[in-house]
PDB file of N, CA and C in Angstrom:
ATOM      1  N   MET A   1       9.395 -12.974  31.225  1.00  0.00           N
ATOM      2  CA  MET A   1      10.008 -11.985  30.358  1.00  0.00           C
ATOM      3  C   MET A   1       9.517 -12.142  28.925  1.00  0.00           C
ATOM      4  N   LYS A   2       9.400 -13.413  28.484  1.00  0.00           N
ATOM      5  CA  LYS A   2       8.954 -13.666  27.115  1.00  0.00           C
ATOM      6  C   LYS A   2       7.520 -13.171  26.914  1.00  0.00           C
ATOM      7  N   ARG A   3       6.678 -13.373  27.908  1.00  0.00           N
ATOM      8  CA  ARG A   3       5.287 -12.905  27.804  1.00  0.00           C
ATOM      9  C   ARG A   3       5.223 -11.387  27.721  1.00  0.00           C
ATOM     10  N   LEU A   4       6.093 -10.723  28.440  1.00  0.00           N
ATOM     11  CA  LEU A   4       6.127  -9.260  28.401  1.00  0.00           C
ATOM     12  C   LEU A   4       6.530  -8.771  27.012  1.00  0.00           C
ATOM     13  N   ALA A   5       7.501  -9.434  26.408  1.00  0.00           N
ATOM     14  CA  ALA A   5       7.935  -9.051  25.059  1.00  0.00           C
ATOM     15  C   ALA A   5       6.815  -9.269  24.046  1.00  0.00           C
ATOM     16  N   VAL A   6       6.112 -10.391  24.170  1.00  0.00           N
ATOM     17  CA  VAL A   6       4.994 -10.664  23.264  1.00  0.00           C
ATOM     18  C   VAL A   6       3.878  -9.653  23.484  1.00  0.00           C
ATOM     19  N   ALA A   7       3.589  -9.327  24.719  1.00  0.00           N
ATOM     20  CA  ALA A   7       2.542  -8.347  25.018  1.00  0.00           C
ATOM     21  C   ALA A   7       2.912  -6.966  24.485  1.00  0.00           C
ATOM     22  N   ALA A   8       4.172  -6.590  24.636  1.00  0.00           N
ATOM     23  CA  ALA A   8       4.615  -5.284  24.125  1.00  0.00           C
ATOM     24  C   ALA A   8       4.533  -5.244  22.605  1.00  0.00           C
ATOM     25  N   THR A   9       4.920  -6.334  21.961  1.00  0.00           N
ATOM     26  CA  THR A   9       4.826  -6.400  20.501  1.00  0.00           C
ATOM     27  C   THR A   9       3.381  -6.295  20.056  1.00  0.00           C
ATOM     28  N   CYS A  10       2.505  -7.001  20.736  1.00  0.00           N
ATOM     29  CA  CYS A  10       1.079  -6.943  20.395  1.00  0.00           C
ATOM     30  C   CYS A  10       0.513  -5.544  20.592  1.00  0.00           C
ATOM     31  N   ALA A  11       0.913  -4.890  21.646  1.00  0.00           N
ATOM     32  CA  ALA A  11       0.384  -3.554  21.931  1.00  0.00           C
ATOM     33  C   ALA A  11       0.857  -2.527  20.911  1.00  0.00           C
ATOM     34  N   LEU A  12       2.084  -2.683  20.446  1.00  0.00           N
ATOM     35  CA  LEU A  12       2.642  -1.700  19.521  1.00  0.00           C
ATOM     36  C   LEU A  12       2.325  -1.993  18.060  1.00  0.00           C
ATOM     37  N   LEU A  13       1.944  -3.224  17.758  1.00  0.00           N
ATOM     38  CA  LEU A  13       1.708  -3.597  16.372  1.00  0.00           C
ATOM     39  C   LEU A  13       0.406  -2.992  15.870  1.00  0.00           C
ATOM     40  N   ALA A  14       0.473  -2.380  14.719  1.00  0.00           N
ATOM     41  CA  ALA A  14      -0.726  -1.848  14.082  1.00  0.00           C
ATOM     42  C   ALA A  14      -0.959  -2.627  12.797  1.00  0.00           C
ATOM     43  N   SER A  15      -2.203  -2.930  12.523  1.00  0.00           N
ATOM     44  CA  SER A  15      -2.527  -3.649  11.301  1.00  0.00           C
ATOM     45  C   SER A  15      -2.630  -2.647  10.164  1.00  0.00           C
ATOM     46  N   CYS A  16      -1.722  -2.749   9.208  1.00  0.00           N
ATOM     47  CA  CYS A  16      -1.675  -1.813   8.088  1.00  0.00           C
ATOM     48  C   CYS A  16      -1.859  -2.559   6.776  1.00  0.00           C
ATOM     49  N   VAL A  17      -2.418  -1.862   5.813  1.00  0.00           N
ATOM     50  CA  VAL A  17      -2.546  -2.394   4.463  1.00  0.00           C
ATOM     51  C   VAL A  17      -2.011  -1.353   3.495  1.00  0.00           C
ATOM     52  N   LEU A  18      -1.722  -1.787   2.286  1.00  0.00           N
ATOM     53  CA  LEU A  18      -1.278  -0.878   1.236  1.00  0.00           C
ATOM     54  C   LEU A  18      -2.426  -0.678   0.258  1.00  0.00           C
ATOM     55  N   VAL A  19      -2.697   0.576  -0.085  1.00  0.00           N
ATOM     56  CA  VAL A  19      -3.748   0.873  -1.053  1.00  0.00           C
ATOM     57  C   VAL A  19      -3.160   1.697  -2.194  1.00  0.00           C
ATOM     58  N   PRO A  20      -3.611   1.427  -3.431  1.00  0.00           N
ATOM     59  CA  PRO A  20      -3.118   2.224  -4.553  1.00  0.00           C
ATOM     60  C   PRO A  20      -3.756   3.610  -4.548  1.00  0.00           C
ATOM     61  N   ARG A  21      -2.959   4.611  -4.903  1.00  0.00           N
ATOM     62  CA  ARG A  21      -3.441   5.994  -4.940  1.00  0.00           C
ATOM     63  C   ARG A  21      -2.940   6.620  -6.238  1.00  0.00           C
ATOM     64  N   THR A  22      -3.822   7.359  -6.932  1.00  0.00           N
ATOM     65  CA  THR A  22      -3.447   8.018  -8.183  1.00  0.00           C
ATOM     66  C   THR A  22      -2.965   9.431  -7.895  1.00  0.00           C
ATOM     67  N   VAL A  23      -1.811   9.776  -8.469  1.00  0.00           N
ATOM     68  CA  VAL A  23      -1.208  11.100  -8.309  1.00  0.00           C
ATOM     69  C   VAL A  23      -1.203  11.771  -9.678  1.00  0.00           C
ATOM     70  N   HIS A  24      -1.611  13.039  -9.721  1.00  0.00           N
ATOM     71  CA  HIS A  24      -1.657  13.795 -10.976  1.00  0.00           C
ATOM     72  C   HIS A  24      -0.477  14.754 -11.052  1.00  0.00           C
ATOM     73  N   GLY A  25      -0.011  14.987 -12.254  1.00  0.00           N
ATOM     74  CA  GLY A  25       1.096  15.917 -12.467  1.00  0.00           C
ATOM     75  C   GLY A  25       1.027  16.492 -13.868  1.00  0.00           C
ATOM     76  N   TRP A  26       2.044  17.264 -14.241  1.00  0.00           N
ATOM     77  CA  TRP A  26       2.100  17.905 -15.551  1.00  0.00           C
ATOM     78  C   TRP A  26       3.438  17.585 -16.195  1.00  0.00           C
ATOM     79  N   ASP A  27       3.409  17.166 -17.453  1.00  0.00           N
ATOM     80  CA  ASP A  27       4.619  16.904 -18.219  1.00  0.00           C
ATOM     81  C   ASP A  27       4.797  18.054 -19.200  1.00  0.00           C
ATOM     82  N   PRO A  28       5.727  18.988 -18.916  1.00  0.00           N
ATOM     83  CA  PRO A  28       5.887  20.152 -19.792  1.00  0.00           C
ATOM     84  C   PRO A  28       6.434  19.791 -21.172  1.00  0.00           C
ATOM     85  N   GLU A  29       7.187  18.712 -21.270  1.00  0.00           N
ATOM     86  CA  GLU A  29       7.746  18.310 -22.559  1.00  0.00           C
ATOM     87  C   GLU A  29       6.647  17.846 -23.520  1.00  0.00           C
ATOM     88  N   CYS A  30       5.697  17.091 -23.001  1.00  0.00           N
ATOM     89  CA  CYS A  30       4.602  16.595 -23.842  1.00  0.00           C
ATOM     90  C   CYS A  30       3.364  17.485 -23.767  1.00  0.00           C
ATOM     91  N   ARG A  31       3.363  18.394 -22.829  1.00  0.00           N
ATOM     92  CA  ARG A  31       2.239  19.302 -22.606  1.00  0.00           C
ATOM     93  C   ARG A  31       0.935  18.541 -22.347  1.00  0.00           C
ATOM     94  N   VAL A  32       0.998  17.591 -21.434  1.00  0.00           N
ATOM     95  CA  VAL A  32      -0.178  16.815 -21.042  1.00  0.00           C
ATOM     96  C   VAL A  32      -0.175  16.608 -19.529  1.00  0.00           C
ATOM     97  N   THR A  33      -1.360  16.383 -19.004  1.00  0.00           N
ATOM     98  CA  THR A  33      -1.489  16.001 -17.605  1.00  0.00           C
ATOM     99  C   THR A  33      -1.155  14.518 -17.507  1.00  0.00           C
ATOM    100  N   VAL A  34      -0.309  14.178 -16.566  1.00  0.00           N
ATOM    101  CA  VAL A  34       0.094  12.781 -16.392  1.00  0.00           C
ATOM    102  C   VAL A  34      -0.428  12.257 -15.064  1.00  0.00           C
ATOM    103  N   ARG A  35      -0.656  10.961 -15.038  1.00  0.00           N
ATOM    104  CA  ARG A  35      -1.096  10.302 -13.813  1.00  0.00           C
ATOM    105  C   ARG A  35      -0.171   9.124 -13.552  1.00  0.00           C
ATOM    106  N   ARG A  36       0.004   8.833 -12.290  1.00  0.00           N
ATOM    107  CA  ARG A  36       0.754   7.642 -11.904  1.00  0.00           C
ATOM    108  C   ARG A  36       0.178   7.134 -10.595  1.00  0.00           C
ATOM    109  N   MET A  37       0.395   5.882 -10.333  1.00  0.00           N
ATOM    110  CA  MET A  37      -0.127   5.274  -9.115  1.00  0.00           C
ATOM    111  C   MET A  37       1.010   5.013  -8.144  1.00  0.00           C
ATOM    112  N   GLU A  38       0.715   5.202  -6.872  1.00  0.00           N
ATOM    113  CA  GLU A  38       1.662   4.939  -5.789  1.00  0.00           C
ATOM    114  C   GLU A  38       0.967   4.080  -4.748  1.00  0.00           C
ATOM    115  N   LEU A  39       1.754   3.357  -3.985  1.00  0.00           N
ATOM    116  CA  LEU A  39       1.205   2.599  -2.866  1.00  0.00           C
ATOM    117  C   LEU A  39       1.272   3.447  -1.607  1.00  0.00           C
ATOM    118  N   GLU A  40       0.175   3.487  -0.889  1.00  0.00           N
ATOM    119  CA  GLU A  40       0.105   4.276   0.340  1.00  0.00           C
ATOM    120  C   GLU A  40      -0.274   3.359   1.505  1.00  0.00           C
ATOM    121  N   PRO A  41       0.528   3.349   2.568  1.00  0.00           N
ATOM    122  CA  PRO A  41       0.162   2.524   3.726  1.00  0.00           C
ATOM    123  C   PRO A  41      -0.971   3.180   4.519  1.00  0.00           C
ATOM    124  N   VAL A  42      -1.938   2.356   4.922  1.00  0.00           N
ATOM    125  CA  VAL A  42      -3.083   2.842   5.689  1.00  0.00           C
ATOM    126  C   VAL A  42      -3.273   1.937   6.893  1.00  0.00           C
ATOM    127  N   GLN A  43      -3.403   2.534   8.066  1.00  0.00           N
ATOM    128  CA  GLN A  43      -3.646   1.753   9.281  1.00  0.00           C
ATOM    129  C   GLN A  43      -5.133   1.459   9.376  1.00  0.00           C
ATOM    130  N   ILE A  44      -5.480   0.188   9.503  1.00  0.00           N
ATOM    131  CA  ILE A  44      -6.890  -0.171   9.590  1.00  0.00           C
ATOM    132  C   ILE A  44      -7.305  -0.585  11.001  1.00  0.00           C
ATOM    133  N   ALA A  45      -6.352  -0.961  11.817  1.00  0.00           N
ATOM    134  CA  ALA A  45      -6.683  -1.376  13.178  1.00  0.00           C
ATOM    135  C   ALA A  45      -5.428  -1.356  14.027  1.00  0.00           C
ATOM    136  N   SER A  46      -5.640  -1.345  15.308  1.00  0.00           N
ATOM    137  CA  SER A  46      -4.534  -1.419  16.247  1.00  0.00           C
ATOM    138  C   SER A  46      -4.760  -2.636  17.133  1.00  0.00           C
ATOM    139  N   ILE A  47      -3.739  -3.441  17.281  1.00  0.00           N
ATOM    140  CA  ILE A  47      -3.869  -4.656  18.089  1.00  0.00           C
ATOM    141  C   ILE A  47      -3.430  -4.335  19.511  1.00  0.00           C
ATOM    142  N   GLN A  48      -4.379  -4.410  20.424  1.00  0.00           N
ATOM    143  CA  GLN A  48      -4.097  -4.123  21.830  1.00  0.00           C
ATOM    144  C   GLN A  48      -4.835  -5.129  22.703  1.00  0.00           C
ATOM    145  N   HIS A  49      -4.363  -5.280  23.898  1.00  0.00           N
ATOM    146  CA  HIS A  49      -5.004  -6.119  24.920  1.00  0.00           C
ATOM    147  C   HIS A  49      -5.200  -7.559  24.452  1.00  0.00           C
ATOM    148  N   CYS A  50      -4.205  -8.134  23.801  1.00  0.00           N
ATOM    149  CA  CYS A  50      -4.311  -9.532  23.394  1.00  0.00           C
ATOM    150  C   CYS A  50      -3.513 -10.388  24.380  1.00  0.00           C
ATOM    151  N   HIS A  51      -3.908 -11.638  24.502  1.00  0.00           N
ATOM    152  CA  HIS A  51      -3.257 -12.537  25.455  1.00  0.00           C
ATOM    153  C   HIS A  51      -3.011 -13.898  24.811  1.00  0.00           C
ATOM    154  N   ASN A  52      -1.840 -14.454  25.057  1.00  0.00           N
ATOM    155  CA  ASN A  52      -1.464 -15.822  24.691  1.00  0.00           C
ATOM    156  C   ASN A  52      -1.799 -16.183  23.248  1.00  0.00           C
ATOM    157  N   GLU A  53      -2.637 -17.228  23.055  1.00  0.00           N
ATOM    158  CA  GLU A  53      -2.971 -17.704  21.715  1.00  0.00           C
ATOM    159  C   GLU A  53      -3.771 -16.667  20.931  1.00  0.00           C
ATOM    160  N   GLY A  54      -4.555 -15.859  21.632  1.00  0.00           N
ATOM    161  CA  GLY A  54      -5.330 -14.809  20.960  1.00  0.00           C
ATOM    162  C   GLY A  54      -4.416 -13.809  20.281  1.00  0.00           C
ATOM    163  N   CYS A  55      -3.317 -13.485  20.941  1.00  0.00           N
ATOM    164  CA  CYS A  55      -2.348 -12.548  20.371  1.00  0.00           C
ATOM    165  C   CYS A  55      -1.674 -13.165  19.153  1.00  0.00           C
ATOM    166  N   LEU A  56      -1.345 -14.434  19.238  1.00  0.00           N
ATOM    167  CA  LEU A  56      -0.715 -15.119  18.118  1.00  0.00           C
ATOM    168  C   LEU A  56      -1.642 -15.149  16.904  1.00  0.00           C
ATOM    169  N   ALA A  57      -2.917 -15.404  17.139  1.00  0.00           N
ATOM    170  CA  ALA A  57      -3.889 -15.430  16.039  1.00  0.00           C
ATOM    171  C   ALA A  57      -4.027 -14.050  15.405  1.00  0.00           C
ATOM    172  N   LEU A  58      -4.049 -13.012  16.232  1.00  0.00           N
ATOM    173  CA  LEU A  58      -4.148 -11.649  15.699  1.00  0.00           C
ATOM    174  C   LEU A  58      -2.914 -11.275  14.890  1.00  0.00           C
ATOM    175  N   LEU A  59      -1.741 -11.662  15.375  1.00  0.00           N
ATOM    176  CA  LEU A  59      -0.509 -11.378  14.641  1.00  0.00           C
ATOM    177  C   LEU A  59      -0.484 -12.107  13.298  1.00  0.00           C
ATOM    178  N   ALA A  60      -0.926 -13.354  13.293  1.00  0.00           N
ATOM    179  CA  ALA A  60      -0.960 -14.121  12.045  1.00  0.00           C
ATOM    180  C   ALA A  60      -1.947 -13.505  11.061  1.00  0.00           C
ATOM    181  N   ALA A  61      -3.115 -13.113  11.546  1.00  0.00           N
ATOM    182  CA  ALA A  61      -4.121 -12.501  10.671  1.00  0.00           C
ATOM    183  C   ALA A  61      -3.637 -11.162  10.125  1.00  0.00           C
ATOM    184  N   ALA A  62      -3.000 -10.363  10.979  1.00  0.00           N
ATOM    185  CA  ALA A  62      -2.485  -9.064  10.525  1.00  0.00           C
ATOM    186  C   ALA A  62      -1.391  -9.248   9.481  1.00  0.00           C
ATOM    187  N   GLY A  63      -0.522 -10.221   9.690  1.00  0.00           N
ATOM    188  CA  GLY A  63       0.539 -10.490   8.721  1.00  0.00           C
ATOM    189  C   GLY A  63      -0.011 -10.974   7.391  1.00  0.00           C
ATOM    190  N   ALA A  64      -0.997 -11.860   7.439  1.00  0.00           N
ATOM    191  CA  ALA A  64      -1.605 -12.368   6.205  1.00  0.00           C
ATOM    192  C   ALA A  64      -2.335 -11.259   5.459  1.00  0.00           C
ATOM    193  N   THR A  65      -3.030 -10.403   6.194  1.00  0.00           N
ATOM    194  CA  THR A  65      -3.750  -9.293   5.569  1.00  0.00           C
ATOM    195  C   THR A  65      -2.781  -8.320   4.918  1.00  0.00           C
ATOM    196  N   ALA A  66      -1.706  -7.986   5.608  1.00  0.00           N
ATOM    197  CA  ALA A  66      -0.715  -7.055   5.052  1.00  0.00           C
ATOM    198  C   ALA A  66      -0.055  -7.637   3.808  1.00  0.00           C
ATOM    199  N   ALA A  67       0.273  -8.921   3.839  1.00  0.00           N
ATOM    200  CA  ALA A  67       0.907  -9.554   2.677  1.00  0.00           C
ATOM    201  C   ALA A  67      -0.049  -9.603   1.490  1.00  0.00           C
ATOM    202  N   ALA A  68      -1.295  -9.965   1.738  1.00  0.00           N
ATOM    203  CA  ALA A  68      -2.282 -10.028   0.655  1.00  0.00           C
ATOM    204  C   ALA A  68      -2.523  -8.652   0.056  1.00  0.00           C
ATOM    205  N   SER A  69      -2.611  -7.625   0.902  1.00  0.00           N
ATOM    206  CA  SER A  69      -2.844  -6.274   0.374  1.00  0.00           C
ATOM    207  C   SER A  69      -1.649  -5.787  -0.430  1.00  0.00           C
ATOM    208  N   ALA A  70      -0.442  -6.175  -0.033  1.00  0.00           N
ATOM    209  CA  ALA A  70       0.747  -5.770  -0.785  1.00  0.00           C
ATOM    210  C   ALA A  70       0.761  -6.411  -2.168  1.00  0.00           C
ATOM    211  N   VAL A  71       0.400  -7.684  -2.250  1.00  0.00           N
ATOM    212  CA  VAL A  71       0.389  -8.378  -3.543  1.00  0.00           C
ATOM    213  C   VAL A  71      -0.700  -7.818  -4.451  1.00  0.00           C
ATOM    214  N   ILE A  72      -1.911  -7.699  -3.938  1.00  0.00           N
ATOM    215  CA  ILE A  72      -3.033  -7.225  -4.753  1.00  0.00           C
ATOM    216  C   ILE A  72      -2.852  -5.764  -5.138  1.00  0.00           C
ATOM    217  N   SER A  73      -2.559  -4.904  -4.169  1.00  0.00           N
ATOM    218  CA  SER A  73      -2.388  -3.479  -4.462  1.00  0.00           C
ATOM    219  C   SER A  73      -1.167  -3.233  -5.334  1.00  0.00           C
ATOM    220  N   GLY A  74      -0.110  -4.002  -5.131  1.00  0.00           N
ATOM    221  CA  GLY A  74       1.074  -3.865  -5.974  1.00  0.00           C
ATOM    222  C   GLY A  74       0.773  -4.212  -7.420  1.00  0.00           C
ATOM    223  N   SER A  75      -0.012  -5.263  -7.627  1.00  0.00           N
ATOM    224  CA  SER A  75      -0.401  -5.647  -8.987  1.00  0.00           C
ATOM    225  C   SER A  75      -1.258  -4.573  -9.641  1.00  0.00           C
ATOM    226  N   ILE A  76      -2.202  -4.028  -8.896  1.00  0.00           N
ATOM    227  CA  ILE A  76      -3.053  -2.955  -9.414  1.00  0.00           C
ATOM    228  C   ILE A  76      -2.206  -1.748  -9.782  1.00  0.00           C
ATOM    229  N   THR A  77      -1.247  -1.412  -8.948  1.00  0.00           N
ATOM    230  CA  THR A  77      -0.383  -0.257  -9.196  1.00  0.00           C
ATOM    231  C   THR A  77       0.469  -0.459 -10.447  1.00  0.00           C
ATOM    232  N   ILE A  78       1.033  -1.629 -10.618  1.00  0.00           N
ATOM    233  CA  ILE A  78       1.858  -1.900 -11.804  1.00  0.00           C
ATOM    234  C   ILE A  78       1.026  -1.799 -13.075  1.00  0.00           C
ATOM    235  N   VAL A  79      -0.129  -2.450 -13.098  1.00  0.00           N
ATOM    236  CA  VAL A  79      -0.993  -2.399 -14.282  1.00  0.00           C
ATOM    237  C   VAL A  79      -1.465  -0.973 -14.537  1.00  0.00           C
ATOM    238  N   GLY A  80      -1.858  -0.267 -13.487  1.00  0.00           N
ATOM    239  CA  GLY A  80      -2.301   1.118 -13.639  1.00  0.00           C
ATOM    240  C   GLY A  80      -1.218   2.011 -14.205  1.00  0.00           C
ATOM    241  N   ASN A  81       0.003   1.857 -13.736  1.00  0.00           N
ATOM    242  CA  ASN A  81       1.106   2.683 -14.242  1.00  0.00           C
ATOM    243  C   ASN A  81       1.432   2.371 -15.697  1.00  0.00           C
ATOM    244  N   VAL A  82       1.317   1.115 -16.098  1.00  0.00           N
ATOM    245  CA  VAL A  82       1.536   0.763 -17.509  1.00  0.00           C
ATOM    246  C   VAL A  82       0.463   1.411 -18.379  1.00  0.00           C
ATOM    247  N   VAL A  83      -0.787   1.338 -17.950  1.00  0.00           N
ATOM    248  CA  VAL A  83      -1.882   1.954 -18.706  1.00  0.00           C
ATOM    249  C   VAL A  83      -1.690   3.463 -18.785  1.00  0.00           C
ATOM    250  N   TYR A  84      -1.349   4.106 -17.673  1.00  0.00           N
ATOM    251  CA  TYR A  84      -1.133   5.559 -17.680  1.00  0.00           C
ATOM    252  C   TYR A  84       0.042   5.932 -18.582  1.00  0.00           C
ATOM    253  N   TRP A  85       1.102   5.122 -18.588  1.00  0.00           N
ATOM    254  CA  TRP A  85       2.258   5.399 -19.437  1.00  0.00           C
ATOM    255  C   TRP A  85       1.873   5.302 -20.915  1.00  0.00           C
ATOM    256  N   LEU A  86       1.127   4.250 -21.285  1.00  0.00           N
ATOM    257  CA  LEU A  86       0.678   4.103 -22.672  1.00  0.00           C
ATOM    258  C   LEU A  86      -0.243   5.251 -23.077  1.00  0.00           C
ATOM    259  N   GLU A  87      -1.119   5.646 -22.171  1.00  0.00           N
ATOM    260  CA  GLU A  87      -2.024   6.769 -22.424  1.00  0.00           C
ATOM    261  C   GLU A  87      -1.239   8.059 -22.642  1.00  0.00           C
ATOM    262  N   GLU A  88      -0.228   8.280 -21.822  1.00  0.00           N
ATOM    263  CA  GLU A  88       0.599   9.487 -21.938  1.00  0.00           C
ATOM    264  C   GLU A  88       1.370   9.495 -23.257  1.00  0.00           C
ATOM    265  N   ARG A  89       1.951   8.370 -23.627  1.00  0.00           N
ATOM    266  CA  ARG A  89       2.708   8.295 -24.888  1.00  0.00           C
ATOM    267  C   ARG A  89       1.793   8.524 -26.089  1.00  0.00           C
ATOM    268  N   GLY A  90       0.552   8.066 -26.009  1.00  0.00           N
ATOM    269  CA  GLY A  90      -0.386   8.232 -27.116  1.00  0.00           C
ATOM    270  C   GLY A  90      -0.863   9.657 -27.297  1.00  0.00           C
ATOM    271  N   SER A  91      -0.884  10.431 -26.213  1.00  0.00           N
ATOM    272  CA  SER A  91      -1.386  11.804 -26.310  1.00  0.00           C
ATOM    273  C   SER A  91      -0.275  12.842 -26.206  1.00  0.00           C
ATOM    274  N   CYS A  92       0.967  12.424 -26.305  1.00  0.00           N
ATOM    275  CA  CYS A  92       2.097  13.347 -26.171  1.00  0.00           C
ATOM    276  C   CYS A  92       2.171  14.269 -27.388  1.00  0.00           C
ATOM    277  N   LYS A  93       2.200  15.572 -27.121  1.00  0.00           N
ATOM    278  CA  LYS A  93       2.311  16.580 -28.175  1.00  0.00           C
ATOM    279  C   LYS A  93       3.616  17.326 -27.964  1.00  0.00           C
ATOM    280  N   ARG A  94       4.673  16.800 -28.486  1.00  0.00           N
ATOM    281  CA  ARG A  94       5.986  17.428 -28.295  1.00  0.00           C
ATOM    282  C   ARG A  94       6.045  18.763 -29.014  1.00  0.00           C
ATOM    283  N   ALA A  95       6.722  19.714 -28.376  1.00  0.00           N
ATOM    284  CA  ALA A  95       6.878  21.046 -28.972  1.00  0.00           C
ATOM    285  C   ALA A  95       7.755  20.951 -30.220  1.00  0.00           C
ATOM    286  N   SER A  96       7.330  21.600 -31.281  1.00  0.00           N
ATOM    287  CA  SER A  96       8.090  21.551 -32.547  1.00  0.00           C
ATOM    288  C   SER A  96       9.086  22.668 -32.629  1.00  0.00           C
TER     289      SER A  96
END
């Protein structure tokens, strides 16, 4: 029964990473185009047909990859949003 549960988990698990994505918009108050970054999940692989220790290694690698992408992409997104916010504040032309 335990092997069946592990096999089902392996078959259903998809290896996903987070990537930063820039979104454009319009700020009517400042009359400028604004940008912000968001994290978008992307599937890079599907784990199927794994057995015993091979499945465990794939699960560990997928978990490490997902965690690393979350930390790196999250940092990029935070820094990018701060830069975009400073850029927006510097070019804001409020209506008089």
